[in-house]
PDB file of N, CA and C in Angstrom:
ATOM      1  N   MET A   1       0.814  -1.190   0.000  1.00  0.00           N
ATOM      2  CA  MET A   1       0.000   0.000   0.000  1.00  0.00           C
ATOM      3  C   MET A   1       0.869   1.271   0.000  1.00  0.00           C
ATOM      4  N   ARG A   2       1.985   1.215   0.717  1.00  0.00           N
ATOM      5  CA  ARG A   2       2.877   2.383   0.762  1.00  0.00           C
ATOM      6  C   ARG A   2       3.440   2.717  -0.611  1.00  0.00           C
ATOM      7  N   PHE A   3       3.700   1.680  -1.406  1.00  0.00           N
ATOM      8  CA  PHE A   3       4.236   1.881  -2.747  1.00  0.00           C
ATOM      9  C   PHE A   3       3.228   2.639  -3.613  1.00  0.00           C
ATOM     10  N   ILE A   4       1.971   2.263  -3.528  1.00  0.00           N
ATOM     11  CA  ILE A   4       0.922   2.932  -4.306  1.00  0.00           C
ATOM     12  C   ILE A   4       0.776   4.383  -3.861  1.00  0.00           C
ATOM     13  N   LEU A   5       0.813   4.626  -2.565  1.00  0.00           N
ATOM     14  CA  LEU A   5       0.746   5.999  -2.060  1.00  0.00           C
ATOM     15  C   LEU A   5       1.929   6.830  -2.551  1.00  0.00           C
ATOM     16  N   GLU A   6       3.097   6.212  -2.607  1.00  0.00           N
ATOM     17  CA  GLU A   6       4.281   6.930  -3.076  1.00  0.00           C
ATOM     18  C   GLU A   6       4.166   7.247  -4.571  1.00  0.00           C
ATOM     19  N   ILE A   7       3.623   6.340  -5.353  1.00  0.00           N
ATOM     20  CA  ILE A   7       3.423   6.598  -6.786  1.00  0.00           C
ATOM     21  C   ILE A   7       2.449   7.755  -6.977  1.00  0.00           C
ATOM     22  N   ILE A   8       1.364   7.766  -6.213  1.00  0.00           N
ATOM     23  CA  ILE A   8       0.397   8.871  -6.289  1.00  0.00           C
ATOM     24  C   ILE A   8       1.074  10.177  -5.879  1.00  0.00           C
ATOM     25  N   ARG A   9       1.897  10.117  -4.855  1.00  0.00           N
ATOM     26  CA  ARG A   9       2.627  11.306  -4.391  1.00  0.00           C
ATOM     27  C   ARG A   9       3.583  11.816  -5.471  1.00  0.00           C
ATOM     28  N   ILE A  10       4.289  10.925  -6.146  1.00  0.00           N
ATOM     29  CA  ILE A  10       5.220  11.309  -7.211  1.00  0.00           C
ATOM     30  C   ILE A  10       4.463  11.981  -8.353  1.00  0.00           C
ATOM     31  N   ILE A  11       3.350  11.386  -8.753  1.00  0.00           N
ATOM     32  CA  ILE A  11       2.544  11.968  -9.834  1.00  0.00           C
ATOM     33  C   ILE A  11       2.058  13.356  -9.453  1.00  0.00           C
ATOM     34  N   ALA A  12       1.593  13.512  -8.217  1.00  0.00           N
ATOM     35  CA  ALA A  12       1.111  14.818  -7.765  1.00  0.00           C
ATOM     36  C   ALA A  12       2.238  15.848  -7.726  1.00  0.00           C
ATOM     37  N   ILE A  13       3.388  15.460  -7.216  1.00  0.00           N
ATOM     38  CA  ILE A  13       4.533  16.378  -7.138  1.00  0.00           C
ATOM     39  C   ILE A  13       4.975  16.807  -8.527  1.00  0.00           C
ATOM     40  N   PHE A  14       5.121  15.847  -9.430  1.00  0.00           N
ATOM     41  CA  PHE A  14       5.572  16.174 -10.782  1.00  0.00           C
ATOM     42  C   PHE A  14       4.533  17.025 -11.516  1.00  0.00           C
ATOM     43  N   THR A  15       3.254  16.762 -11.284  1.00  0.00           N
ATOM     44  CA  THR A  15       2.212  17.543 -11.947  1.00  0.00           C
ATOM     45  C   THR A  15       2.186  18.976 -11.426  1.00  0.00           C
ATOM     46  N   ILE A  16       2.173  19.134 -10.116  1.00  0.00           N
ATOM     47  CA  ILE A  16       2.065  20.470  -9.522  1.00  0.00           C
ATOM     48  C   ILE A  16       3.328  21.282  -9.780  1.00  0.00           C
ATOM     49  N   LEU A  17       4.489  20.726  -9.450  1.00  0.00           N
ATOM     50  CA  LEU A  17       5.736  21.463  -9.657  1.00  0.00           C
ATOM     51  C   LEU A  17       6.038  21.663 -11.140  1.00  0.00           C
ATOM     52  N   GLY A  18       5.700  20.677 -11.966  1.00  0.00           N
ATOM     53  CA  GLY A  18       5.897  20.812 -13.405  1.00  0.00           C
ATOM     54  C   GLY A  18       5.063  21.944 -13.978  1.00  0.00           C
ATOM     55  N   ALA A  19       3.807  22.034 -13.553  1.00  0.00           N
ATOM     56  CA  ALA A  19       2.943  23.120 -14.021  1.00  0.00           C
ATOM     57  C   ALA A  19       3.449  24.470 -13.518  1.00  0.00           C
ATOM     58  N   LEU A  20       3.915  24.515 -12.283  1.00  0.00           N
ATOM     59  CA  LEU A  20       4.443  25.758 -11.719  1.00  0.00           C
ATOM     60  C   LEU A  20       5.692  26.213 -12.476  1.00  0.00           C
ATOM     61  N   PHE A  21       6.648  25.303 -12.670  1.00  0.00           N
ATOM     62  CA  PHE A  21       7.864  25.644 -13.412  1.00  0.00           C
ATOM     63  C   PHE A  21       7.553  26.027 -14.846  1.00  0.00           C
ATOM     64  N   SER A  22       6.622  25.315 -15.469  1.00  0.00           N
ATOM     65  CA  SER A  22       6.239  25.608 -16.841  1.00  0.00           C
ATOM     66  C   SER A  22       5.633  27.005 -16.952  1.00  0.00           C
ATOM     67  N   GLY A  23       4.788  27.360 -16.006  1.00  0.00           N
ATOM     68  CA  GLY A  23       4.190  28.701 -15.998  1.00  0.00           C
ATOM     69  C   GLY A  23       5.226  29.786 -15.819  1.00  0.00           C
ATOM     70  N   ILE A  24       6.146  29.567 -14.913  1.00  0.00           N
ATOM     71  CA  ILE A  24       7.203  30.550 -14.675  1.00  0.00           C
ATOM     72  C   ILE A  24       8.067  30.724 -15.920  1.00  0.00           C
ATOM     73  N   LEU A  25       8.436  29.608 -16.538  1.00  0.00           N
ATOM     74  CA  LEU A  25       9.263  29.685 -17.741  1.00  0.00           C
ATOM     75  C   LEU A  25       8.504  30.331 -18.898  1.00  0.00           C
ATOM     76  N   GLN A  26       7.217  30.083 -18.993  1.00  0.00           N
ATOM     77  CA  GLN A  26       6.426  30.698 -20.059  1.00  0.00           C
ATOM     78  C   GLN A  26       6.416  32.214 -19.903  1.00  0.00           C
ATOM     79  N   VAL A  27       6.281  32.689 -18.673  1.00  0.00           N
ATOM     80  CA  VAL A  27       6.312  34.135 -18.418  1.00  0.00           C
ATOM     81  C   VAL A  27       7.682  34.707 -18.783  1.00  0.00           C
ATOM     82  N   ILE A  28       8.743  34.006 -18.404  1.00  0.00           N
ATOM     83  CA  ILE A  28      10.100  34.471 -18.708  1.00  0.00           C
ATOM     84  C   ILE A  28      10.323  34.529 -20.206  1.00  0.00           C
ATOM     85  N   TYR A  29       9.966  33.453 -20.912  1.00  0.00           N
ATOM     86  CA  TYR A  29      10.157  33.431 -22.365  1.00  0.00           C
ATOM     87  C   TYR A  29       9.305  34.501 -23.055  1.00  0.00           C
ATOM     88  N   THR A  30       8.087  34.709 -22.583  1.00  0.00           N
ATOM     89  CA  THR A  30       7.219  35.738 -23.175  1.00  0.00           C
ATOM     90  C   THR A  30       7.807  37.126 -22.960  1.00  0.00           C
ATOM     91  N   ASN A  31       8.307  37.407 -21.765  1.00  0.00           N
ATOM     92  CA  ASN A  31       8.902  38.713 -21.475  1.00  0.00           C
ATOM     93  C   ASN A  31      10.171  38.965 -22.285  1.00  0.00           C
ATOM     94  N   LEU A  32      10.857  37.888 -22.656  1.00  0.00           N
ATOM     95  CA  LEU A  32      12.082  38.029 -23.448  1.00  0.00           C
ATOM     96  C   LEU A  32      11.814  37.875 -24.951  1.00  0.00           C
ATOM     97  N   ASN A  33      10.533  37.873 -25.330  1.00  0.00           N
ATOM     98  CA  ASN A  33      10.104  37.767 -26.734  1.00  0.00           C
ATOM     99  C   ASN A  33      10.645  36.525 -27.436  1.00  0.00           C
ATOM    100  N   VAL A  34      10.615  35.408 -26.762  1.00  0.00           N
ATOM    101  CA  VAL A  34      11.023  34.136 -27.341  1.00  0.00           C
ATOM    102  C   VAL A  34       9.753  33.334 -27.615  1.00  0.00           C
ATOM    103  N   SER A  35       9.549  32.982 -28.884  1.00  0.00           N
ATOM    104  CA  SER A  35       8.359  32.196 -29.209  1.00  0.00           C
ATOM    105  C   SER A  35       8.622  30.723 -28.918  1.00  0.00           C
ATOM    106  N   ILE A  36       7.618  30.076 -28.387  1.00  0.00           N
ATOM    107  CA  ILE A  36       7.739  28.670 -28.033  1.00  0.00           C
ATOM    108  C   ILE A  36       6.902  27.867 -29.018  1.00  0.00           C
ATOM    109  N   SER A  37       7.573  27.156 -29.919  1.00  0.00           N
ATOM    110  CA  SER A  37       6.888  26.303 -30.878  1.00  0.00           C
ATOM    111  C   SER A  37       6.734  24.909 -30.276  1.00  0.00           C
ATOM    112  N   ASN A  38       6.190  23.994 -31.052  1.00  0.00           N
ATOM    113  CA  ASN A  38       6.025  22.620 -30.562  1.00  0.00           C
ATOM    114  C   ASN A  38       7.368  21.965 -30.248  1.00  0.00           C
ATOM    115  N   GLN A  39       8.386  22.226 -31.075  1.00  0.00           N
ATOM    116  CA  GLN A  39       9.709  21.659 -30.812  1.00  0.00           C
ATOM    117  C   GLN A  39      10.276  22.203 -29.509  1.00  0.00           C
ATOM    118  N   ASN A  40      10.189  23.512 -29.331  1.00  0.00           N
ATOM    119  CA  ASN A  40      10.716  24.106 -28.104  1.00  0.00           C
ATOM    120  C   ASN A  40       9.904  23.677 -26.888  1.00  0.00           C
ATOM    121  N   GLY A  41       8.614  23.465 -27.074  1.00  0.00           N
ATOM    122  CA  GLY A  41       7.754  23.077 -25.957  1.00  0.00           C
ATOM    123  C   GLY A  41       8.154  21.753 -25.337  1.00  0.00           C
ATOM    124  N   TRP A  42       8.418  20.753 -26.160  1.00  0.00           N
ATOM    125  CA  TRP A  42       8.781  19.469 -25.572  1.00  0.00           C
ATOM    126  C   TRP A  42      10.200  19.498 -25.020  1.00  0.00           C
ATOM    127  N   VAL A  43      11.075  20.315 -25.598  1.00  0.00           N
ATOM    128  CA  VAL A  43      12.438  20.452 -25.061  1.00  0.00           C
ATOM    129  C   VAL A  43      12.379  21.054 -23.661  1.00  0.00           C
ATOM    130  N   ILE A  44      11.536  22.063 -23.501  1.00  0.00           N
ATOM    131  CA  ILE A  44      11.365  22.684 -22.185  1.00  0.00           C
ATOM    132  C   ILE A  44      10.751  21.686 -21.212  1.00  0.00           C
ATOM    133  N   GLY A  45       9.805  20.883 -21.687  1.00  0.00           N
ATOM    134  CA  GLY A  45       9.194  19.856 -20.837  1.00  0.00           C
ATOM    135  C   GLY A  45      10.201  18.828 -20.361  1.00  0.00           C
ATOM    136  N   VAL A  46      11.076  18.408 -21.244  1.00  0.00           N
ATOM    137  CA  VAL A  46      12.122  17.440 -20.863  1.00  0.00           C
ATOM    138  C   VAL A  46      13.062  18.057 -19.837  1.00  0.00           C
ATOM    139  N   SER A  47      13.417  19.322 -20.020  1.00  0.00           N
ATOM    140  CA  SER A  47      14.320  19.969 -19.062  1.00  0.00           C
ATOM    141  C   SER A  47      13.661  20.093 -17.684  1.00  0.00           C
ATOM    142  N   ILE A  48      12.374  20.412 -17.661  1.00  0.00           N
ATOM    143  CA  ILE A  48      11.652  20.485 -16.379  1.00  0.00           C
ATOM    144  C   ILE A  48      11.604  19.100 -15.738  1.00  0.00           C
ATOM    145  N   PHE A  49      11.326  18.073 -16.535  1.00  0.00           N
ATOM    146  CA  PHE A  49      11.285  16.715 -16.008  1.00  0.00           C
ATOM    147  C   PHE A  49      12.639  16.317 -15.412  1.00  0.00           C
ATOM    148  N   LEU A  50      13.732  16.648 -16.095  1.00  0.00           N
ATOM    149  CA  LEU A  50      15.061  16.316 -15.568  1.00  0.00           C
ATOM    150  C   LEU A  50      15.332  17.015 -14.238  1.00  0.00           C
ATOM    151  N   LEU A  51      14.968  18.296 -14.155  1.00  0.00           N
ATOM    152  CA  LEU A  51      15.170  19.020 -12.902  1.00  0.00           C
ATOM    153  C   LEU A  51      14.323  18.432 -11.771  1.00  0.00           C
ATOM    154  N   LEU A  52      13.083  18.074 -12.070  1.00  0.00           N
ATOM    155  CA  LEU A  52      12.217  17.470 -11.055  1.00  0.00           C
ATOM    156  C   LEU A  52      12.731  16.093 -10.640  1.00  0.00           C
ATOM    157  N   PHE A  53      13.269  15.343 -11.598  1.00  0.00           N
ATOM    158  CA  PHE A  53      13.838  14.035 -11.285  1.00  0.00           C
ATOM    159  C   PHE A  53      15.014  14.171 -10.318  1.00  0.00           C
ATOM    160  N   VAL A  54      15.898  15.114 -10.588  1.00  0.00           N
ATOM    161  CA  VAL A  54      17.044  15.347  -9.701  1.00  0.00           C
ATOM    162  C   VAL A  54      16.561  15.791  -8.325  1.00  0.00           C
ATOM    163  N   LEU A  55      15.598  16.705  -8.290  1.00  0.00           N
ATOM    164  CA  LEU A  55      15.047  17.174  -7.018  1.00  0.00           C
ATOM    165  C   LEU A  55      14.421  16.021  -6.243  1.00  0.00           C
ATOM    166  N   TYR A  56      13.654  15.182  -6.920  1.00  0.00           N
ATOM    167  CA  TYR A  56      13.015  14.057  -6.240  1.00  0.00           C
ATOM    168  C   TYR A  56      14.048  13.073  -5.703  1.00  0.00           C
ATOM    169  N   ARG A  57      14.998  12.671  -6.548  1.00  0.00           N
ATOM    170  CA  ARG A  57      15.965  11.659  -6.129  1.00  0.00           C
ATOM    171  C   ARG A  57      16.909  12.144  -5.037  1.00  0.00           C
ATOM    172  N   ASN A  58      17.196  13.452  -4.998  1.00  0.00           N
ATOM    173  CA  ASN A  58      18.159  13.947  -4.018  1.00  0.00           C
ATOM    174  C   ASN A  58      17.516  14.499  -2.750  1.00  0.00           C
ATOM    175  N   LYS A  59      16.239  14.874  -2.793  1.00  0.00           N
ATOM    176  CA  LYS A  59      15.618  15.483  -1.615  1.00  0.00           C
ATOM    177  C   LYS A  59      14.273  14.860  -1.248  1.00  0.00           C
ATOM    178  N   ILE A  60      13.335  14.888  -2.179  1.00  0.00           N
ATOM    179  CA  ILE A  60      11.942  14.602  -1.851  1.00  0.00           C
ATOM    180  C   ILE A  60      11.687  13.135  -1.509  1.00  0.00           C
ATOM    181  N   GLN A  61      12.417  12.203  -2.104  1.00  0.00           N
ATOM    182  CA  GLN A  61      12.131  10.784  -1.887  1.00  0.00           C
ATOM    183  C   GLN A  61      12.319  10.349  -0.434  1.00  0.00           C
ATOM    184  N   PHE A  62      13.082  11.091   0.324  1.00  0.00           N
ATOM    185  CA  PHE A  62      13.370  10.697   1.700  1.00  0.00           C
ATOM    186  C   PHE A  62      12.285  11.118   2.685  1.00  0.00           C
ATOM    187  N   SER A  63      11.293  11.873   2.206  1.00  0.00           N
ATOM    188  CA  SER A  63      10.226  12.317   3.104  1.00  0.00           C
ATOM    189  C   SER A  63       8.902  11.632   2.793  1.00  0.00           C
ATOM    190  N   GLY A  64       8.919  10.568   2.012  1.00  0.00           N
ATOM    191  CA  GLY A  64       7.690   9.910   1.598  1.00  0.00           C
ATOM    192  C   GLY A  64       7.337   8.708   2.445  1.00  0.00           C
ATOM    193  N   TRP A  65       6.366   7.938   1.948  1.00  0.00           N
ATOM    194  CA  TRP A  65       5.884   6.768   2.665  1.00  0.00           C
ATOM    195  C   TRP A  65       6.700   5.523   2.377  1.00  0.00           C
ATOM    196  N   TYR A  66       7.345   5.474   1.233  1.00  0.00           N
ATOM    197  CA  TYR A  66       8.049   4.266   0.818  1.00  0.00           C
ATOM    198  C   TYR A  66       9.458   4.237   1.387  1.00  0.00           C
ATOM    199  N   ASN A  67       9.824   3.109   1.964  1.00  0.00           N
ATOM    200  CA  ASN A  67      11.172   2.917   2.499  1.00  0.00           C
ATOM    201  C   ASN A  67      11.794   1.699   1.837  1.00  0.00           C
ATOM    202  N   GLY A  68      12.310   1.886   0.638  1.00  0.00           N
ATOM    203  CA  GLY A  68      12.906   0.782  -0.105  1.00  0.00           C
ATOM    204  C   GLY A  68      14.397   0.665   0.140  1.00  0.00           C
ATOM    205  N   LYS A  69      14.978  -0.372  -0.445  1.00  0.00           N
ATOM    206  CA  LYS A  69      16.399  -0.623  -0.271  1.00  0.00           C
ATOM    207  C   LYS A  69      17.257   0.311  -1.123  1.00  0.00           C
ATOM    208  N   LYS A  70      16.754   0.708  -2.273  1.00  0.00           N
ATOM    209  CA  LYS A  70      17.547   1.511  -3.210  1.00  0.00           C
ATOM    210  C   LYS A  70      17.187   2.983  -3.137  1.00  0.00           C
ATOM    211  N   MET A  71      17.117   3.526  -1.954  1.00  0.00           N
ATOM    212  CA  MET A  71      16.811   4.940  -1.786  1.00  0.00           C
ATOM    213  C   MET A  71      18.108   5.720  -1.602  1.00  0.00           C
ATOM    214  N   ASP A  72      18.873   5.820  -2.660  1.00  0.00           N
ATOM    215  CA  ASP A  72      20.132   6.542  -2.625  1.00  0.00           C
ATOM    216  C   ASP A  72      19.992   7.844  -3.394  1.00  0.00           C
ATOM    217  N   LYS A  73      20.800   8.816  -2.992  1.00  0.00           N
ATOM    218  CA  LYS A  73      20.879  10.045  -3.771  1.00  0.00           C
ATOM    219  C   LYS A  73      21.623   9.749  -5.064  1.00  0.00           C
ATOM    220  N   LEU A  74      21.390  10.602  -6.057  1.00  0.00           N
ATOM    221  CA  LEU A  74      22.182  10.510  -7.282  1.00  0.00           C
ATOM    222  C   LEU A  74      23.609  10.924  -6.956  1.00  0.00           C
ATOM    223  N   SER A  75      24.558  10.373  -7.677  1.00  0.00           N
ATOM    224  CA  SER A  75      25.940  10.778  -7.451  1.00  0.00           C
ATOM    225  C   SER A  75      26.113  12.245  -7.860  1.00  0.00           C
ATOM    226  N   LYS A  76      27.141  12.870  -7.337  1.00  0.00           N
ATOM    227  CA  LYS A  76      27.383  14.280  -7.678  1.00  0.00           C
ATOM    228  C   LYS A  76      27.621  14.450  -9.171  1.00  0.00           C
ATOM    229  N   LYS A  77      28.312  13.503  -9.761  1.00  0.00           N
ATOM    230  CA  LYS A  77      28.595  13.571 -11.190  1.00  0.00           C
ATOM    231  C   LYS A  77      27.303  13.483 -12.006  1.00  0.00           C
ATOM    232  N   THR A  78      26.440  12.559 -11.648  1.00  0.00           N
ATOM    233  CA  THR A  78      25.160  12.408 -12.345  1.00  0.00           C
ATOM    234  C   THR A  78      24.278  13.629 -12.136  1.00  0.00           C
ATOM    235  N   THR A  79      24.245  14.139 -10.910  1.00  0.00           N
ATOM    236  CA  THR A  79      23.451  15.327 -10.618  1.00  0.00           C
ATOM    237  C   THR A  79      23.922  16.502 -11.458  1.00  0.00           C
ATOM    238  N   ARG A  80      25.219  16.730 -11.490  1.00  0.00           N
ATOM    239  CA  ARG A  80      25.761  17.833 -12.288  1.00  0.00           C
ATOM    240  C   ARG A  80      25.444  17.666 -13.764  1.00  0.00           C
ATOM    241  N   LEU A  81      25.620  16.462 -14.273  1.00  0.00           N
ATOM    242  CA  LEU A  81      25.352  16.192 -15.686  1.00  0.00           C
ATOM    243  C   LEU A  81      23.890  16.483 -16.041  1.00  0.00           C
ATOM    244  N   LEU A  82      22.965  16.001 -15.222  1.00  0.00           N
ATOM    245  CA  LEU A  82      21.550  16.206 -15.502  1.00  0.00           C
ATOM    246  C   LEU A  82      21.142  17.674 -15.380  1.00  0.00           C
ATOM    247  N   VAL A  83      21.678  18.380 -14.404  1.00  0.00           N
ATOM    248  CA  VAL A  83      21.352  19.799 -14.241  1.00  0.00           C
ATOM    249  C   VAL A  83      21.928  20.624 -15.389  1.00  0.00           C
ATOM    250  N   ILE A  84      23.156  20.333 -15.786  1.00  0.00           N
ATOM    251  CA  ILE A  84      23.761  21.047 -16.917  1.00  0.00           C
ATOM    252  C   ILE A  84      23.000  20.762 -18.198  1.00  0.00           C
ATOM    253  N   LEU A  85      22.632  19.512 -18.425  1.00  0.00           N
ATOM    254  CA  LEU A  85      21.839  19.164 -19.607  1.00  0.00           C
ATOM    255  C   LEU A  85      20.501  19.892 -19.599  1.00  0.00           C
ATOM    256  N   SER A  86      19.866  19.946 -18.450  1.00  0.00           N
ATOM    257  CA  SER A  86      18.589  20.641 -18.334  1.00  0.00           C
ATOM    258  C   SER A  86      18.739  22.135 -18.608  1.00  0.00           C
ATOM    259  N   CYS A  87      19.781  22.736 -18.087  1.00  0.00           N
ATOM    260  CA  CYS A  87      20.015  24.171 -18.334  1.00  0.00           C
ATOM    261  C   CYS A  87      20.288  24.436 -19.809  1.00  0.00           C
ATOM    262  N   CYS A  88      21.031  23.527 -20.455  1.00  0.00           N
ATOM    263  CA  CYS A  88      21.275  23.681 -21.887  1.00  0.00           C
ATOM    264  C   CYS A  88      19.971  23.589 -22.674  1.00  0.00           C
ATOM    265  N   LEU A  89      19.100  22.684 -22.274  1.00  0.00           N
ATOM    266  CA  LEU A  89      17.804  22.562 -22.934  1.00  0.00           C
ATOM    267  C   LEU A  89      16.935  23.803 -22.705  1.00  0.00           C
ATOM    268  N   LEU A  90      17.068  24.424 -21.550  1.00  0.00           N
ATOM    269  CA  LEU A  90      16.307  25.644 -21.273  1.00  0.00           C
ATOM    270  C   LEU A  90      16.829  26.830 -22.087  1.00  0.00           C
ATOM    271  N   ILE A  91      18.107  26.832 -22.430  1.00  0.00           N
ATOM    272  CA  ILE A  91      18.701  27.912 -23.219  1.00  0.00           C
ATOM    273  C   ILE A  91      18.423  27.702 -24.704  1.00  0.00           C
ATOM    274  N   LEU A  92      18.164  26.483 -25.119  1.00  0.00           N
ATOM    275  CA  LEU A  92      17.980  26.156 -26.523  1.00  0.00           C
ATOM    276  C   LEU A  92      16.920  27.014 -27.246  1.00  0.00           C
ATOM    277  N   PRO A  93      15.765  27.339 -26.646  1.00  0.00           N
ATOM    278  CA  PRO A  93      14.792  28.180 -27.363  1.00  0.00           C
ATOM    279  C   PRO A  93      15.331  29.570 -27.713  1.00  0.00           C
ATOM    280  N   PHE A  94      16.303  30.067 -26.990  1.00  0.00           N
ATOM    281  CA  PHE A  94      16.884  31.359 -27.298  1.00  0.00           C
ATOM    282  C   PHE A  94      17.710  31.324 -28.586  1.00  0.00           C
ATOM    283  N   ILE A  95      18.256  30.156 -28.903  1.00  0.00           N
ATOM    284  CA  ILE A  95      19.100  29.998 -30.078  1.00  0.00           C
ATOM    285  C   ILE A  95      18.275  29.949 -31.351  1.00  0.00           C
ATOM    286  N   HIS A  96      17.113  29.325 -31.288  1.00  0.00           N
ATOM    287  CA  HIS A  96      16.281  29.207 -32.503  1.00  0.00           C
ATOM    288  C   HIS A  96      15.662  30.498 -32.846  1.00  0.00           C
TER     289      HIS A  96
END
């Protein structure tokens, strides 16, 4: 039962925080006169997902209901790689 509650919690966190980050980025891109096409939209979505994944694996997973064996933080190297990749994806709409 705890596993199901944790899955529901993950979906809720990703939905709420994803919508919040997406709204903030939309305001930023609009203020900077950057048009967001379908290609840029999914790139921004992937970057938000990567940031939320890093946030969940390094912070949020330890405050939930599930206590599994593989509850480790991401390594520093992996965390840096994913954050840098996400930032590059967020800058990509400015280039087009």
